[in-house]
Amino acid sequence: MARWLRPLVGALLLLEGAAALSFLHHRYEEMVQALFRVQSQCPYVTRIYSIGRSVEGRHLYVLEFSDYPGIHEPLEPEFKYVGNMHGNEVLGRELLLQLSEFLCEEYRRGNERITRLIHDTRIHIMPSMNPDGYEVAAKQGPDSNGYLTGRNNANGVDLNRNFPDLNTFMYYSGEISGPNHHIPLPDNWKSQVEPETLAVIQWISSYNFVLSANLHGGAVVANYPYDKSQDQRFRSHRRTVNTPTPDDKLFQKLAKTYSYAHGWMHRGWNCGDYFADGITNGASWYSLSKGMQDFNYLYTNCFEITLELSCNKFPPEEDLERQWMANREALVAFIEEVHQGIKGMVSDENNNGIAGAVISVQGISHDITSGDMGDYFRLLLPGTYSITASAEGYQSQTVTTTVGPAASSLVHFQLKQDVVRKPPERKASGTRMSNKALQKKVVPRATRRGTQR
């Protein structure tokens, strides 16, 4: 076949697959049916599971794609998409259903790119985090839906303002040279969150997710952490203070991957707003407290961005196909970003995996940890890095490695057990040293604002 014909044939095959999809709004029962239909069509590479229930008892279903569904394979990264966190922002919900059908269909067709993606990645897709809110919005329909109708859950709570506020503790820790990663949750956190939020926190605590995006509506932009600015003094107006993470350049690259693969997001002018390259730092847009993407970065190993995908929060059905064609390549390309950087095994001298080993990158003050099997994944831009692995009871190990622009670089660590030496005895003195616990300092609670992400 002539070389110039191959891309055309590939595009025609994708269009043929897209034409077979149904571009409709799906109520809860219809969404569940769509998920189980995909599972029945691709039974060997999919699994459906529920992470919990909503306030009104609806399952929070996840569809998993993997060559070994239900099993974490060492060195295979975990990826997730979460849609419909705000019940009336429905495009993400429909796009994730379309993506599920698309991945299944293209896998059955033998599409090499999709087959490789499913074999090398464990993909988790949650079309709706807020099924109760969606039902409220869907009763109004696209034509008469209010801007906030169905946004919150059944208890009237905005789920993207409901996660534990780890940013405040992180900013305080920064003043005393404390960590900005794997910040522990407050003791009473379960009593402060909604059932949907609780389910998601337990979910992301159970899987070693590496990369994620949550899908919203009301704007067209790829938004990256931090969402919450450190300066909380000015509460009477919208704050626009750029608040970067230690991985700011990486997050910008991740956001651009989506925006430039999208049909028009990268152009900048959308919905009356302008965002250069179609991306923005969250706090630079406006400060948001207790959001999900910051929580992922501060509590887990997962790097998450927020995708605002349409000016119309509840677009009419006749616009769904155009939106799918605009987002299809971006949704796939963003999943592929989970394979950049480095990955490897952290093991002891007997080749047993070490769980919870800390992976540090010189010059980037944000660490990640190894999973239960001892495997780790660290997203990085191309370049040369000094990487250190450390674990309690073991001698740390440092290596230098170069990261390329394509697949992840393999960097394994084998840690030697630390030799515990008995400390020398102290001579008696007239002064007795007492162990005083550090006094806990009260951190002022952040004011919750009615922002829209």
Protein backbone atom coordinates (compact mmCIF):
# COMPACT_ATOMS: atom_id res chain seq x y z
CA MET A 1 0.00 0.00 0.00
CA ALA A 2 1.35 3.44 -0.87
CA ARG A 3 2.67 5.28 2.20
CA TRP A 4 0.38 8.26 1.66
CA LEU A 5 -2.68 6.03 1.66
CA ARG A 6 -2.09 4.53 5.12
CA PRO A 7 -3.12 7.57 7.21
CA LEU A 8 -6.23 8.01 5.05
CA VAL A 9 -7.27 4.38 5.48
CA GLY A 10 -6.66 4.60 9.24
CA ALA A 11 -8.78 7.75 9.48
CA LEU A 12 -11.59 6.12 7.49
CA LEU A 13 -11.57 3.12 9.83
CA LEU A 14 -11.84 5.40 12.86
CA LEU A 15 -14.67 7.33 11.25
CA GLU A 16 -16.47 4.08 10.47
CA GLY A 17 -16.16 3.07 14.12
CA ALA A 18 -17.36 6.47 15.29
CA ALA A 19 -20.40 6.35 13.03
CA ALA A 20 -21.61 3.18 14.78
CA LEU A 21 -21.83 4.94 18.15
CA SER A 22 -25.08 6.37 19.52
CA PHE A 23 -24.89 10.06 20.35
CA LEU A 24 -27.57 10.34 23.02
CA HIS A 25 -27.90 11.57 26.58
CA HIS A 26 -27.97 8.63 28.97
CA ARG A 27 -30.00 8.62 32.17
CA TYR A 28 -28.67 6.45 35.01
CA GLU A 29 -30.26 3.17 33.89
CA GLU A 30 -29.23 3.80 30.29
CA MET A 31 -25.66 4.62 31.38
CA VAL A 32 -25.45 1.36 33.33
CA GLN A 33 -26.78 -0.56 30.33
CA ALA A 34 -24.22 1.11 28.06
CA LEU A 35 -21.36 0.12 30.40
CA PHE A 36 -22.51 -3.50 30.65
CA ARG A 37 -22.99 -3.62 26.87
CA VAL A 38 -19.35 -2.66 26.38
CA GLN A 39 -18.30 -5.24 28.96
CA SER A 40 -20.27 -7.95 27.14
CA GLN A 41 -18.73 -6.98 23.79
CA CYS A 42 -15.15 -7.00 25.15
CA PRO A 43 -15.34 -9.45 28.06
CA TYR A 44 -11.67 -10.41 28.06
CA VAL A 45 -10.28 -6.88 28.42
CA THR A 46 -12.93 -5.17 30.57
CA ARG A 47 -14.36 -5.32 34.08
CA ILE A 48 -17.13 -3.33 35.78
CA TYR A 49 -16.95 -2.56 39.47
CA SER A 50 -18.60 -0.13 41.87
CA ILE A 51 -16.60 2.01 44.28
CA GLY A 52 -19.66 2.80 46.40
CA ARG A 53 -23.07 4.45 46.25
CA SER A 54 -24.41 7.96 46.00
CA VAL A 55 -26.62 9.62 48.60
CA GLU A 56 -29.70 8.20 46.85
CA GLY A 57 -28.16 4.75 46.51
CA ARG A 58 -26.98 4.77 42.89
CA HIS A 59 -23.80 2.82 42.19
CA LEU A 60 -20.66 4.74 41.27
CA TYR A 61 -19.62 2.41 38.48
CA VAL A 62 -16.17 2.17 36.93
CA LEU A 63 -15.34 0.39 33.67
CA GLU A 64 -11.80 -0.99 33.58
CA PHE A 65 -9.80 -1.80 30.43
CA SER A 66 -6.79 -4.11 30.77
CA ASP A 67 -5.38 -7.27 29.25
CA TYR A 68 -5.75 -8.73 32.76
CA PRO A 69 -8.88 -7.05 34.18
CA GLY A 70 -8.96 -6.85 37.96
CA ILE A 71 -5.23 -7.44 38.33
CA HIS A 72 -2.42 -4.94 38.81
CA GLU A 73 0.55 -6.03 36.75
CA PRO A 74 3.93 -4.82 38.00
CA LEU A 75 5.27 -1.91 35.90
CA GLU A 76 1.86 -1.35 34.25
CA PRO A 77 0.59 2.12 35.22
CA GLU A 78 -2.93 2.83 36.47
CA PHE A 79 -4.90 5.65 34.77
CA LYS A 80 -8.35 7.09 35.51
CA TYR A 81 -10.96 9.39 33.99
CA VAL A 82 -13.76 10.81 36.18
CA GLY A 83 -16.79 12.51 34.65
CA ASN A 84 -19.95 14.28 35.77
CA MET A 85 -18.62 15.40 39.17
CA HIS A 86 -21.02 18.29 38.81
CA GLY A 87 -24.34 16.69 37.89
CA ASN A 88 -25.35 19.34 35.35
CA GLU A 89 -22.02 19.24 33.49
CA VAL A 90 -22.87 16.30 31.31
CA LEU A 91 -20.58 16.31 28.27
CA GLY A 92 -17.79 14.49 30.11
CA ARG A 93 -20.24 11.75 31.08
CA GLU A 94 -21.24 11.19 27.46
CA LEU A 95 -17.68 11.43 26.16
CA LEU A 96 -16.52 8.74 28.58
CA LEU A 97 -19.31 6.44 27.45
CA GLN A 98 -18.28 7.12 23.86
CA LEU A 99 -14.64 6.50 24.75
CA SER A 100 -15.56 3.17 26.35
CA GLU A 101 -17.39 2.04 23.23
CA PHE A 102 -14.58 3.33 21.04
CA LEU A 103 -11.82 1.50 22.94
CA CYS A 104 -13.78 -1.75 22.81
CA GLU A 105 -14.65 -1.41 19.13
CA GLU A 106 -11.13 -0.48 18.04
CA TYR A 107 -9.65 -3.29 20.13
CA ARG A 108 -11.93 -5.74 18.37
CA ARG A 109 -10.88 -4.27 15.03
CA GLY A 110 -7.23 -4.89 15.86
CA ASN A 111 -6.24 -1.22 15.97
CA GLU A 112 -2.55 -1.45 16.94
CA ARG A 113 -2.51 1.81 18.88
CA ILE A 114 -5.56 0.96 20.98
CA THR A 115 -4.46 -2.64 21.50
CA ARG A 116 -1.05 -1.51 22.74
CA LEU A 117 -2.68 1.05 25.02
CA ILE A 118 -4.98 -1.53 26.64
CA HIS A 119 -2.21 -4.12 26.97
CA ASP A 120 0.26 -1.65 28.51
CA THR A 121 -2.10 0.40 30.70
CA ARG A 122 -4.80 -0.31 33.26
CA ILE A 123 -7.50 2.23 32.38
CA HIS A 124 -10.35 3.08 34.80
CA ILE A 125 -13.31 5.08 33.47
CA MET A 126 -15.99 6.51 35.80
CA PRO A 127 -18.61 8.26 33.64
CA SER A 128 -20.51 9.75 36.59
CA MET A 129 -19.33 10.67 40.07
CA ASN A 130 -22.62 12.47 40.77
CA PRO A 131 -25.47 10.40 39.31
CA ASP A 132 -28.02 11.95 41.67
CA GLY A 133 -27.26 15.48 40.52
CA TYR A 134 -27.40 14.37 36.90
CA GLU A 135 -30.94 13.06 37.31
CA VAL A 136 -32.02 16.45 38.65
CA ALA A 137 -30.41 18.24 35.70
CA ALA A 138 -31.73 15.73 33.16
CA LYS A 139 -35.32 16.30 34.26
CA GLN A 140 -34.93 19.91 33.14
CA GLY A 141 -33.27 18.87 29.87
CA PRO A 142 -30.80 20.80 27.72
CA ASP A 143 -33.25 23.56 26.75
CA SER A 144 -34.48 24.69 30.18
CA ASN A 145 -31.65 23.53 32.42
CA GLY A 146 -30.55 26.16 34.92
CA TYR A 147 -26.89 27.04 35.26
CA LEU A 148 -26.71 25.44 38.71
CA THR A 149 -29.62 22.98 38.52
CA GLY A 150 -28.28 19.55 39.49
CA ARG A 151 -24.74 20.78 40.08
CA ASN A 152 -24.55 19.50 43.67
CA ASN A 153 -25.24 16.05 45.06
CA ALA A 154 -28.54 15.05 46.70
CA ASN A 155 -27.43 16.70 49.96
CA GLY A 156 -26.86 19.99 48.16
CA VAL A 157 -23.06 19.77 48.43
CA ASP A 158 -20.62 20.73 45.70
CA LEU A 159 -18.39 17.65 45.46
CA ASN A 160 -15.49 19.68 44.07
CA ARG A 161 -15.45 21.68 47.32
CA ASN A 162 -15.75 18.63 49.57
CA PHE A 163 -12.32 17.00 49.75
CA PRO A 164 -10.11 17.48 52.82
CA ASP A 165 -8.25 20.79 52.58
CA LEU A 166 -4.67 19.58 52.32
CA ASN A 167 -3.51 22.76 50.61
CA THR A 168 -3.72 24.77 53.83
CA PHE A 169 -1.60 22.21 55.67
CA MET A 170 0.81 22.09 52.74
CA TYR A 171 1.27 25.86 52.72
CA TYR A 172 1.86 25.83 56.47
CA SER A 173 4.30 22.92 56.06
CA GLY A 174 6.17 24.98 53.48
CA GLU A 175 6.88 27.58 56.12
CA ILE A 176 8.47 24.96 58.34
CA SER A 177 10.10 22.97 55.47
CA GLY A 178 7.50 20.22 55.66
CA PRO A 179 6.34 17.92 52.84
CA ASN A 180 3.97 18.72 49.99
CA HIS A 181 3.19 15.09 49.22
CA HIS A 182 1.35 12.23 50.96
CA ILE A 183 -0.05 14.63 53.52
CA PRO A 184 -2.03 12.64 56.13
CA LEU A 185 -5.76 13.16 56.40
CA PRO A 186 -7.24 14.87 59.47
CA ASP A 187 -8.62 12.48 62.09
CA ASN A 188 -12.25 13.47 61.53
CA TRP A 189 -12.18 13.64 57.72
CA LYS A 190 -14.83 10.95 57.15
CA SER A 191 -17.44 12.97 59.02
CA GLN A 192 -16.78 16.00 56.80
CA VAL A 193 -17.24 14.47 53.35
CA GLU A 194 -20.17 13.22 51.30
CA PRO A 195 -20.71 9.54 50.39
CA GLU A 196 -19.50 10.17 46.82
CA THR A 197 -16.35 11.92 48.05
CA LEU A 198 -15.69 9.20 50.61
CA ALA A 199 -16.00 6.54 47.91
CA VAL A 200 -13.54 8.34 45.64
CA ILE A 201 -10.99 8.86 48.44
CA GLN A 202 -11.13 5.18 49.34
CA TRP A 203 -10.86 4.33 45.63
CA ILE A 204 -7.75 6.38 44.98
CA SER A 205 -6.25 5.02 48.20
CA SER A 206 -6.71 1.47 46.92
CA TYR A 207 -5.13 1.90 43.48
CA ASN A 208 -1.71 3.38 42.74
CA PHE A 209 -2.99 5.80 40.11
CA VAL A 210 -0.32 7.65 38.13
CA LEU A 211 -2.29 10.04 35.92
CA SER A 212 -5.88 11.26 35.88
CA ALA A 213 -8.30 13.84 34.54
CA ASN A 214 -11.72 14.91 35.73
CA LEU A 215 -14.13 16.25 33.11
CA HIS A 216 -16.25 19.37 33.60
CA GLY A 217 -18.17 21.94 31.54
CA GLY A 218 -18.88 25.66 31.42
CA ALA A 219 -15.57 26.64 29.79
CA VAL A 220 -13.06 25.17 27.33
CA VAL A 221 -9.62 24.89 28.93
CA ALA A 222 -7.24 22.35 30.47
CA ASN A 223 -6.68 23.37 34.08
CA TYR A 224 -3.79 22.12 36.23
CA PRO A 225 -2.78 22.42 39.95
CA TYR A 226 -2.67 24.15 42.20
CA ASP A 227 -6.30 25.18 42.25
CA LYS A 228 -5.97 26.93 45.59
CA SER A 229 -3.74 29.94 46.02
CA GLN A 230 -1.70 30.47 49.15
CA ASP A 231 -2.82 34.05 49.57
CA GLN A 232 -6.33 33.91 51.04
CA ARG A 233 -6.49 37.49 52.32
CA PHE A 234 -8.62 38.95 49.56
CA ARG A 235 -11.97 37.21 49.71
CA SER A 236 -14.15 39.96 48.31
CA HIS A 237 -13.25 39.36 44.66
CA ARG A 238 -11.91 36.75 42.28
CA ARG A 239 -8.26 36.08 42.99
CA THR A 240 -5.92 35.35 40.12
CA VAL A 241 -2.62 34.37 41.67
CA ASN A 242 -0.52 31.87 39.73
CA THR A 243 0.25 29.06 42.19
CA PRO A 244 2.49 26.43 40.60
CA THR A 245 3.37 23.00 41.93
CA PRO A 246 6.97 21.73 41.94
CA ASP A 247 5.92 19.86 38.76
CA ASP A 248 4.60 22.97 37.03
CA LYS A 249 6.37 22.44 33.68
CA LEU A 250 5.22 18.84 33.58
CA PHE A 251 1.64 19.83 34.32
CA GLN A 252 1.76 22.43 31.56
CA LYS A 253 2.94 19.76 29.15
CA LEU A 254 0.14 17.40 30.22
CA ALA A 255 -2.45 20.13 29.78
CA LYS A 256 -1.08 21.07 26.35
CA THR A 257 -1.20 17.45 25.28
CA TYR A 258 -4.96 17.59 25.68
CA SER A 259 -5.53 21.11 24.42
CA TYR A 260 -3.52 20.69 21.21
CA ALA A 261 -5.09 17.31 20.42
CA HIS A 262 -8.54 18.88 20.95
CA GLY A 263 -10.41 20.36 18.02
CA TRP A 264 -10.26 23.98 19.20
CA MET A 265 -9.24 24.20 22.88
CA HIS A 266 -5.67 25.24 21.96
CA ARG A 267 -6.86 28.31 20.06
CA GLY A 268 -7.35 30.11 23.38
CA TRP A 269 -10.52 32.08 22.69
CA ASN A 270 -13.52 30.07 23.93
CA CYS A 271 -16.74 30.94 25.77
CA GLY A 272 -15.73 34.61 25.95
CA ASP A 273 -12.48 33.83 27.80
CA TYR A 274 -8.90 33.63 26.58
CA PHE A 275 -6.36 31.10 27.84
CA ALA A 276 -2.99 30.97 26.07
CA ASP A 277 -2.54 27.52 24.51
CA GLY A 278 -5.92 26.58 25.96
CA ILE A 279 -4.44 25.85 29.41
CA THR A 280 -4.38 27.57 32.80
CA ASN A 281 -3.04 27.18 36.30
CA GLY A 282 -6.12 26.74 38.48
CA ALA A 283 -5.40 29.47 41.01
CA SER A 284 -4.36 31.79 38.18
CA TRP A 285 -7.94 31.46 36.92
CA TYR A 286 -9.53 31.65 40.38
CA SER A 287 -8.75 30.07 43.72
CA LEU A 288 -10.70 26.95 44.62
CA SER A 289 -10.56 25.24 48.02
CA LYS A 290 -11.05 21.51 48.74
CA GLY A 291 -10.92 20.51 45.08
CA MET A 292 -10.25 17.02 43.77
CA GLN A 293 -7.24 17.64 41.54
CA ASP A 294 -5.14 19.24 44.30
CA PHE A 295 -6.17 16.45 46.66
CA ASN A 296 -4.86 13.82 44.23
CA TYR A 297 -1.47 15.53 44.00
CA LEU A 298 -1.09 16.18 47.73
CA TYR A 299 -2.39 12.86 49.06
CA THR A 300 -1.50 10.23 46.43
CA ASN A 301 1.00 9.54 43.65
CA CYS A 302 -1.54 10.68 41.06
CA PHE A 303 -1.09 13.74 38.82
CA GLU A 304 -4.56 15.02 37.93
CA ILE A 305 -5.79 17.87 35.72
CA THR A 306 -9.30 19.28 35.23
CA LEU A 307 -10.72 19.43 31.71
CA GLU A 308 -13.37 22.04 30.98
CA LEU A 309 -14.88 20.80 27.72
CA SER A 310 -17.86 22.90 26.62
CA CYS A 311 -19.35 26.35 26.98
CA ASN A 312 -22.77 24.73 27.31
CA LYS A 313 -22.91 22.57 30.41
CA PHE A 314 -25.76 20.45 29.02
CA PRO A 315 -25.29 20.50 25.23
CA PRO A 316 -28.13 19.25 23.00
CA GLU A 317 -27.87 15.75 21.55
CA GLU A 318 -27.29 17.09 18.05
CA ASP A 319 -23.99 18.60 19.28
CA LEU A 320 -22.65 15.40 20.88
CA GLU A 321 -21.12 13.91 17.73
CA ARG A 322 -19.21 17.11 16.96
CA GLN A 323 -17.95 17.23 20.54
CA TRP A 324 -16.88 13.58 20.38
CA MET A 325 -14.90 14.16 17.19
CA ALA A 326 -13.22 17.18 18.83
CA ASN A 327 -12.25 15.22 21.96
CA ARG A 328 -11.59 11.69 20.69
CA GLU A 329 -7.90 12.06 19.86
CA ALA A 330 -7.27 14.18 22.97
CA LEU A 331 -8.82 11.56 25.26
CA VAL A 332 -6.58 8.84 23.83
CA ALA A 333 -3.44 11.00 23.67
CA PHE A 334 -3.80 12.03 27.29
CA ILE A 335 -3.96 8.39 28.44
CA GLU A 336 -0.72 7.77 26.55
CA GLU A 337 1.00 10.42 28.67
CA VAL A 338 0.98 7.97 31.60
CA HIS A 339 3.95 6.27 29.89
CA GLN A 340 6.39 9.18 30.07
CA GLY A 341 9.10 9.55 32.70
CA ILE A 342 10.60 6.66 34.64
CA LYS A 343 9.33 3.47 36.25
CA GLY A 344 10.88 0.49 37.93
CA MET A 345 11.00 -1.90 40.85
CA VAL A 346 12.28 -1.20 44.34
CA SER A 347 13.37 -4.48 45.93
CA ASP A 348 15.53 -5.83 48.73
CA GLU A 349 18.60 -8.03 48.36
CA ASN A 350 16.34 -11.08 48.01
CA ASN A 351 14.38 -9.45 45.14
CA ASN A 352 11.30 -8.92 47.30
CA GLY A 353 9.40 -5.78 46.38
CA ILE A 354 9.48 -2.95 48.92
CA ALA A 355 6.14 -1.18 49.28
CA GLY A 356 6.06 2.48 50.29
CA ALA A 357 9.63 3.24 49.22
CA VAL A 358 10.10 6.96 48.60
CA ILE A 359 11.28 8.06 45.14
CA SER A 360 12.86 11.52 45.14
CA VAL A 361 14.01 13.55 42.16
CA GLN A 362 16.77 16.05 42.77
CA GLY A 363 15.52 19.56 42.02
CA ILE A 364 11.81 18.65 42.23
CA SER A 365 10.47 18.82 45.78
CA HIS A 366 7.64 16.35 45.35
CA ASP A 367 8.12 12.66 46.08
CA ILE A 368 6.15 9.59 45.09
CA THR A 369 6.09 6.13 46.65
CA SER A 370 6.24 2.56 45.39
CA GLY A 371 3.12 0.43 45.31
CA ASP A 372 2.28 -2.79 47.12
CA MET A 373 4.43 -4.85 44.75
CA GLY A 374 7.38 -2.48 44.93
CA ASP A 375 6.84 -0.93 41.51
CA TYR A 376 6.83 2.84 41.08
CA PHE A 377 6.00 5.35 38.35
CA ARG A 378 7.35 8.90 38.21
CA LEU A 379 6.14 11.21 35.45
CA LEU A 380 8.96 13.43 34.20
CA LEU A 381 9.79 15.62 31.23
CA PRO A 382 12.69 14.57 28.97
CA GLY A 383 16.04 15.32 30.62
CA THR A 384 18.71 13.93 32.90
CA TYR A 385 17.82 13.39 36.55
CA SER A 386 19.34 12.20 39.81
CA ILE A 387 16.85 9.77 41.38
CA THR A 388 16.99 8.46 44.95
CA ALA A 389 15.04 5.53 46.41
CA SER A 390 14.81 5.21 50.18
CA ALA A 391 12.86 3.06 52.61
CA GLU A 392 12.83 2.65 56.36
CA GLY A 393 15.34 0.03 57.41
CA TYR A 394 17.31 0.19 54.17
CA GLN A 395 20.24 2.17 52.81
CA SER A 396 19.13 4.68 50.19
CA GLN A 397 20.37 4.40 46.62
CA THR A 398 20.87 7.18 44.07
CA VAL A 399 21.22 6.79 40.30
CA THR A 400 21.44 9.19 37.37
CA THR A 401 19.22 8.51 34.38
CA THR A 402 18.15 10.19 31.16
CA VAL A 403 14.48 10.39 30.23
CA GLY A 404 13.60 10.44 26.55
CA PRO A 405 10.50 11.80 24.79
CA ALA A 406 8.95 8.39 24.12
CA ALA A 407 8.40 5.42 26.44
CA SER A 408 9.24 5.37 30.14
CA SER A 409 12.84 4.69 31.13
CA LEU A 410 13.34 1.64 33.35
CA VAL A 411 15.21 2.43 36.57
CA HIS A 412 15.33 -0.36 39.16
CA PHE A 413 16.58 -0.09 42.73
CA GLN A 414 17.86 -2.86 44.99
CA LEU A 415 18.24 -1.58 48.52
CA LYS A 416 20.55 -3.11 51.10
CA GLN A 417 19.30 -3.55 54.61
CA ASP A 418 20.55 -0.86 56.94
CA VAL A 419 22.89 -1.98 59.68
CA VAL A 420 21.46 -0.82 62.98
CA ARG A 421 24.19 0.33 65.29
CA LYS A 422 23.72 0.61 69.04
CA PRO A 423 24.11 4.26 70.04
CA PRO A 424 26.86 5.02 72.58
CA GLU A 425 25.76 5.32 76.20
CA ARG A 426 25.34 8.83 77.49
CA LYS A 427 27.14 9.95 80.58
CA ALA A 428 24.93 10.95 83.42
CA SER A 429 24.49 14.66 83.85
CA GLY A 430 22.68 16.93 86.19
CA THR A 431 20.24 18.02 83.49
CA ARG A 432 17.38 15.74 82.48
CA MET A 433 16.21 16.03 78.85
CA SER A 434 12.43 15.69 78.42
CA ASN A 435 10.61 14.63 75.25
CA LYS A 436 8.00 17.27 74.60
CA ALA A 437 5.43 16.72 71.88
CA LEU A 438 5.17 19.47 69.32
CA GLN A 439 2.17 21.68 69.98
CA LYS A 440 -0.41 21.53 67.25
CA LYS A 441 -1.09 24.89 65.69
CA VAL A 442 -4.55 25.82 64.56
CA VAL A 443 -4.77 26.50 60.85
CA PRO A 444 -7.62 28.86 59.94
CA ARG A 445 -10.34 27.22 57.91
CA ALA A 446 -10.47 28.41 54.31
CA THR A 447 -13.61 30.21 53.22
CA ARG A 448 -15.68 28.26 50.72
CA ARG A 449 -16.68 30.24 47.67
CA GLY A 450 -19.26 29.64 44.97
CA THR A 451 -16.82 29.19 42.11
CA GLN A 452 -17.63 26.99 39.17
CA ARG A 453 -15.03 24.28 38.69
